Structures are given as C-alpha cells and as structure tokens.
Amino acid sequence: MRNKMMMPAEQIGGVTFPEWDASQWAQEFAATDWKKVAADMKPIIDRLKAMGALEPDFEL
C-alpha cells in the first residue's frame, strides 16, 4: 500500500488553505498542458509589457 504525502492545512495572509494530498497535486501538475497555459497567458503578458511592468524580452 502506498502512503499519501499529506500537506497540513495552513493560514497565509488571512486565507486558510485546507490539508491537501501532494501526490494528487503532482499528478495534476504533470498532466497540465503548459503550452496552452502559456498561450492563454500571452495577452496578459503582452499587456504587462506594454505597461512597462515586464521587460520587453520576457517570455514564458
């Protein structure tokens, strides 16, 4: 039987984050389509560049 790696609940900046299963998070992280995330972020990145909040050569 495999043990779960449980992360305890904690409070950060007034927000309470519940206990969570780190192995489940790792599986979801590995399954994420990072190219799609980058494509979805492009308009936001472009806007931040235009505002001067990011360097012109910043890329994900």
C-alpha atoms as a PDB file:
ATOM      1  CA  MET A   1       0.000   0.000   0.000  1.00  0.00           C
ATOM      2  CA  ARG A   2       1.284   3.437  -0.924  1.00  0.00           C
ATOM      3  CA  ASN A   3       1.397   6.204   1.662  1.00  0.00           C
ATOM      4  CA  LYS A   4      -0.051   9.577   0.776  1.00  0.00           C
ATOM      5  CA  MET A   5       2.053  12.646   1.325  1.00  0.00           C
ATOM      6  CA  MET A   6      -0.396  14.965   3.020  1.00  0.00           C
ATOM      7  CA  MET A   7       0.420  18.618   3.420  1.00  0.00           C
ATOM      8  CA  PRO A   8      -1.090  20.169   6.556  1.00  0.00           C
ATOM      9  CA  ALA A   9      -3.610  22.973   6.496  1.00  0.00           C
ATOM     10  CA  GLU A  10      -2.051  26.392   6.948  1.00  0.00           C
ATOM     11  CA  GLN A  11      -3.021  30.016   7.057  1.00  0.00           C
ATOM     12  CA  ILE A  12      -1.286  32.519   4.789  1.00  0.00           C
ATOM     13  CA  GLY A  13      -2.232  36.179   4.758  1.00  0.00           C
ATOM     14  CA  GLY A  14      -5.607  35.578   6.370  1.00  0.00           C
ATOM     15  CA  VAL A  15      -6.510  32.771   3.948  1.00  0.00           C
ATOM     16  CA  THR A  16      -6.777  29.243   5.304  1.00  0.00           C
ATOM     17  CA  PHE A  17      -5.642  26.573   2.879  1.00  0.00           C
ATOM     18  CA  PRO A  18      -7.017  23.100   3.672  1.00  0.00           C
ATOM     19  CA  GLU A  19      -4.987  19.925   4.018  1.00  0.00           C
ATOM     20  CA  TRP A  20      -4.130  18.533   0.584  1.00  0.00           C
ATOM     21  CA  ASP A  21      -2.679  15.425  -0.979  1.00  0.00           C
ATOM     22  CA  ALA A  22       0.687  16.329  -2.521  1.00  0.00           C
ATOM     23  CA  SER A  23       0.752  13.215  -4.718  1.00  0.00           C
ATOM     24  CA  GLN A  24      -2.555  14.216  -6.319  1.00  0.00           C
ATOM     25  CA  TRP A  25      -1.216  17.726  -6.928  1.00  0.00           C
ATOM     26  CA  ALA A  26       1.922  16.266  -8.522  1.00  0.00           C
ATOM     27  CA  GLN A  27      -0.198  14.169 -10.895  1.00  0.00           C
ATOM     28  CA  GLU A  28      -2.272  17.199 -11.888  1.00  0.00           C
ATOM     29  CA  PHE A  29       0.877  19.306 -12.340  1.00  0.00           C
ATOM     30  CA  ALA A  30       2.424  16.646 -14.599  1.00  0.00           C
ATOM     31  CA  ALA A  31      -0.772  16.428 -16.672  1.00  0.00           C
ATOM     32  CA  THR A  32      -1.008  20.195 -17.224  1.00  0.00           C
ATOM     33  CA  ASP A  33      -0.706  21.373 -20.816  1.00  0.00           C
ATOM     34  CA  TRP A  34       1.867  24.103 -20.166  1.00  0.00           C
ATOM     35  CA  LYS A  35       1.900  25.258 -23.811  1.00  0.00           C
ATOM     36  CA  LYS A  36      -1.822  26.009 -23.522  1.00  0.00           C
ATOM     37  CA  VAL A  37      -1.267  27.851 -20.242  1.00  0.00           C
ATOM     38  CA  ALA A  38       1.441  29.955 -21.922  1.00  0.00           C
ATOM     39  CA  ALA A  39      -0.851  30.650 -24.897  1.00  0.00           C
ATOM     40  CA  ASP A  40      -3.677  31.672 -22.549  1.00  0.00           C
ATOM     41  CA  MET A  41      -1.296  33.998 -20.676  1.00  0.00           C
ATOM     42  CA  LYS A  42       0.048  35.710 -23.826  1.00  0.00           C
ATOM     43  CA  PRO A  43      -2.496  38.583 -23.890  1.00  0.00           C
ATOM     44  CA  ILE A  44      -1.812  39.294 -20.210  1.00  0.00           C
ATOM     45  CA  ILE A  45       1.962  39.168 -20.731  1.00  0.00           C
ATOM     46  CA  ASP A  46       1.685  41.475 -23.764  1.00  0.00           C
ATOM     47  CA  ARG A  47      -0.374  43.964 -21.766  1.00  0.00           C
ATOM     48  CA  LEU A  48       2.110  43.935 -18.879  1.00  0.00           C
ATOM     49  CA  LYS A  49       4.957  44.525 -21.358  1.00  0.00           C
ATOM     50  CA  ALA A  50       3.057  47.461 -22.881  1.00  0.00           C
ATOM     51  CA  MET A  51       2.564  48.946 -19.400  1.00  0.00           C
ATOM     52  CA  GLY A  52       6.269  48.548 -18.661  1.00  0.00           C
ATOM     53  CA  ALA A  53       5.617  46.077 -15.849  1.00  0.00           C
ATOM     54  CA  LEU A  54       7.659  43.392 -17.632  1.00  0.00           C
ATOM     55  CA  GLU A  55      10.864  43.573 -19.608  1.00  0.00           C
ATOM     56  CA  PRO A  56      10.245  43.636 -23.397  1.00  0.00           C
ATOM     57  CA  ASP A  57      12.115  40.345 -23.862  1.00  0.00           C
ATOM     58  CA  PHE A  58      10.190  38.466 -21.122  1.00  0.00           C
ATOM     59  CA  GLU A  59       8.916  35.065 -22.262  1.00  0.00           C
ATOM     60  CA  LEU A  60       7.184  32.169 -20.553  1.00  0.00           C
END
